[in-house]
Protein backbone atom coordinates (compact mmCIF):
# COMPACT_ATOMS: atom_id res chain seq x y z
CA MET A 1 4.00 -27.67 14.76
CA PRO A 2 5.89 -24.86 14.31
CA GLU A 3 5.65 -22.86 11.40
CA PRO A 4 8.12 -22.39 8.73
CA GLU A 5 10.27 -19.34 8.51
CA ARG A 6 9.43 -17.21 5.77
CA SER A 7 12.65 -15.66 4.26
CA LYS A 8 12.60 -12.48 1.57
CA THR A 9 13.27 -14.67 -1.56
CA ASP A 10 10.24 -17.03 -0.46
CA LEU A 11 7.52 -13.66 -0.46
CA GLU A 12 9.39 -12.53 -3.91
CA ALA A 13 8.68 -15.94 -5.51
CA ALA A 14 5.53 -15.57 -4.58
CA GLY A 15 4.75 -12.70 -6.01
CA ILE A 16 4.70 -10.60 -2.83
CA GLY A 17 7.27 -7.43 -2.32
CA ALA A 18 5.71 -3.86 -2.90
CA CYS A 19 2.45 -3.89 -1.48
CA LEU A 20 0.90 -7.01 1.36
CA GLN A 21 -1.70 -7.16 3.54
CA PRO A 22 -1.95 -10.25 5.75
CA ARG A 23 -4.59 -12.21 4.16
CA ASP A 24 -1.51 -12.05 0.97
CA LEU A 25 0.29 -14.52 3.82
CA LEU A 26 -2.75 -17.14 3.97
CA PRO A 27 -2.19 -19.22 0.25
CA LEU A 28 1.16 -19.19 1.08
CA GLY A 29 0.00 -20.74 5.14
CA ASP A 30 1.33 -18.56 7.09
CA SER A 31 -0.59 -16.95 9.88
CA LEU A 32 -0.94 -13.10 11.25
CA ARG A 33 1.81 -13.99 14.33
CA GLN A 34 4.68 -14.75 11.26
CA LEU A 35 3.51 -11.65 9.48
CA GLN A 36 4.41 -10.06 13.18
CA ARG A 37 8.21 -11.96 13.23
CA LEU A 38 8.46 -11.10 9.76
CA VAL A 39 8.34 -7.26 10.84
CA GLN A 40 10.13 -7.97 13.88
CA GLY A 41 12.72 -9.81 12.11
CA GLY A 42 13.46 -6.18 9.32
CA THR A 43 11.88 -8.75 6.40
CA VAL A 44 8.90 -6.71 6.07
CA GLU A 45 8.26 -3.32 7.32
CA LYS A 46 4.41 -1.70 8.00
CA THR A 47 3.82 0.91 5.49
CA GLY A 48 0.34 1.76 7.26
CA SER A 49 -2.62 0.36 9.08
CA GLY A 50 -3.09 -3.15 7.21
CA PHE A 51 -0.26 -2.65 4.75
CA HIS A 52 2.75 -3.83 4.47
CA ARG A 53 6.12 -4.21 2.02
CA LEU A 54 9.53 -6.01 1.62
CA ALA A 55 11.98 -3.66 3.95
CA SER A 56 14.69 -4.63 0.95
CA LEU A 57 12.70 -2.51 -1.50
CA GLU A 58 13.87 0.66 -2.89
CA PRO A 59 12.13 3.96 -0.58
CA LEU A 60 8.73 4.51 -2.10
CA VAL A 61 8.78 8.07 -4.24
CA HIS A 62 4.85 9.21 -3.97
CA PRO A 63 4.28 7.75 -0.40
CA ASN A 64 0.63 9.48 0.05
CA LEU A 65 -0.38 8.25 -3.72
CA VAL A 66 0.26 4.45 -2.75
CA ALA A 67 -1.38 4.30 1.03
CA VAL A 68 -4.32 5.81 -1.12
CA ALA A 69 -4.22 3.64 -3.55
CA GLN A 70 -3.92 0.46 -1.50
CA ARG A 71 -7.18 2.06 0.39
CA VAL A 72 -9.28 2.97 -2.71
CA PRO A 73 -8.44 0.77 -5.80
CA GLN A 74 -11.49 1.19 -7.55
CA GLY A 75 -10.39 5.16 -7.14
CA VAL A 76 -8.26 6.75 -10.18
CA LEU A 77 -6.10 9.60 -9.40
CA CYS A 78 -7.47 12.97 -11.44
CA LEU A 79 -6.69 16.39 -11.13
CA LEU A 80 -3.52 18.54 -9.81
CA SER A 81 -2.51 15.06 -8.20
CA ALA A 82 -2.58 14.08 -11.80
CA LEU A 83 -0.54 16.51 -12.97
CA GLY A 84 1.68 16.33 -9.89
CA PHE A 85 2.13 12.52 -10.73
CA HIS A 86 3.14 13.34 -13.81
CA GLU A 87 4.99 16.46 -13.55
CA LEU A 88 3.41 18.34 -15.43
CA THR A 89 2.92 21.27 -12.83
CA THR A 90 5.25 23.23 -10.50
CA GLN A 91 1.50 23.75 -7.72
CA VAL A 92 2.00 20.80 -5.07
CA PRO A 93 -1.57 19.49 -4.47
CA GLN A 94 -2.14 20.19 -0.34
CA ASP A 95 -5.00 17.02 -0.89
CA ILE A 96 -5.07 14.33 -3.20
CA ASP A 97 -7.72 14.27 -5.62
CA VAL A 98 -9.25 10.82 -6.77
CA ALA A 99 -12.40 10.03 -9.13
CA LEU A 100 -14.79 7.59 -8.27
CA GLU A 101 -17.07 5.98 -10.44
CA ARG A 102 -20.92 8.03 -9.93
CA GLY A 103 -23.37 6.48 -7.38
CA MET A 104 -20.22 4.83 -4.81
CA ARG A 105 -19.76 5.79 -2.01
CA LYS A 106 -16.43 7.83 -0.48
CA PRO A 107 -14.26 5.52 1.92
CA ARG A 108 -13.32 7.51 4.91
CA LEU A 109 -9.56 8.20 5.13
CA ASP A 110 -8.09 9.40 7.92
CA HIS A 111 -4.59 9.96 6.35
CA PRO A 112 -3.71 11.78 3.55
CA PRO A 113 -5.98 14.22 3.11
CA THR A 114 -8.17 13.13 0.20
CA ARG A 115 -10.89 14.90 -1.97
CA PHE A 116 -13.28 12.29 -3.70
CA PHE A 117 -15.03 13.08 -6.71
């Protein structure tokens, strides 16, 4: 039995848009193969390893911050990175500063450069 084709409006109605992981399609009954078709068709674009978003959305203003937030959802943007995000400084941080709860293991991220506190 062929898999149903998903459109942009189907995904939006399911609450999928700015941040999509393959596991988000499971409740819709879709497979990884369907996600690959959506990427090839231009409906969805890949933003990083295991992360996608609807291609019709506005470009991300802070793509590196979004990448870190997706990979470290329990982290909190801090120090110079937070000041830069809120446009409270003229300095441009070289690394993204993330605060973690005491005792948490630091995630390994290859990109973007990230410091954990």
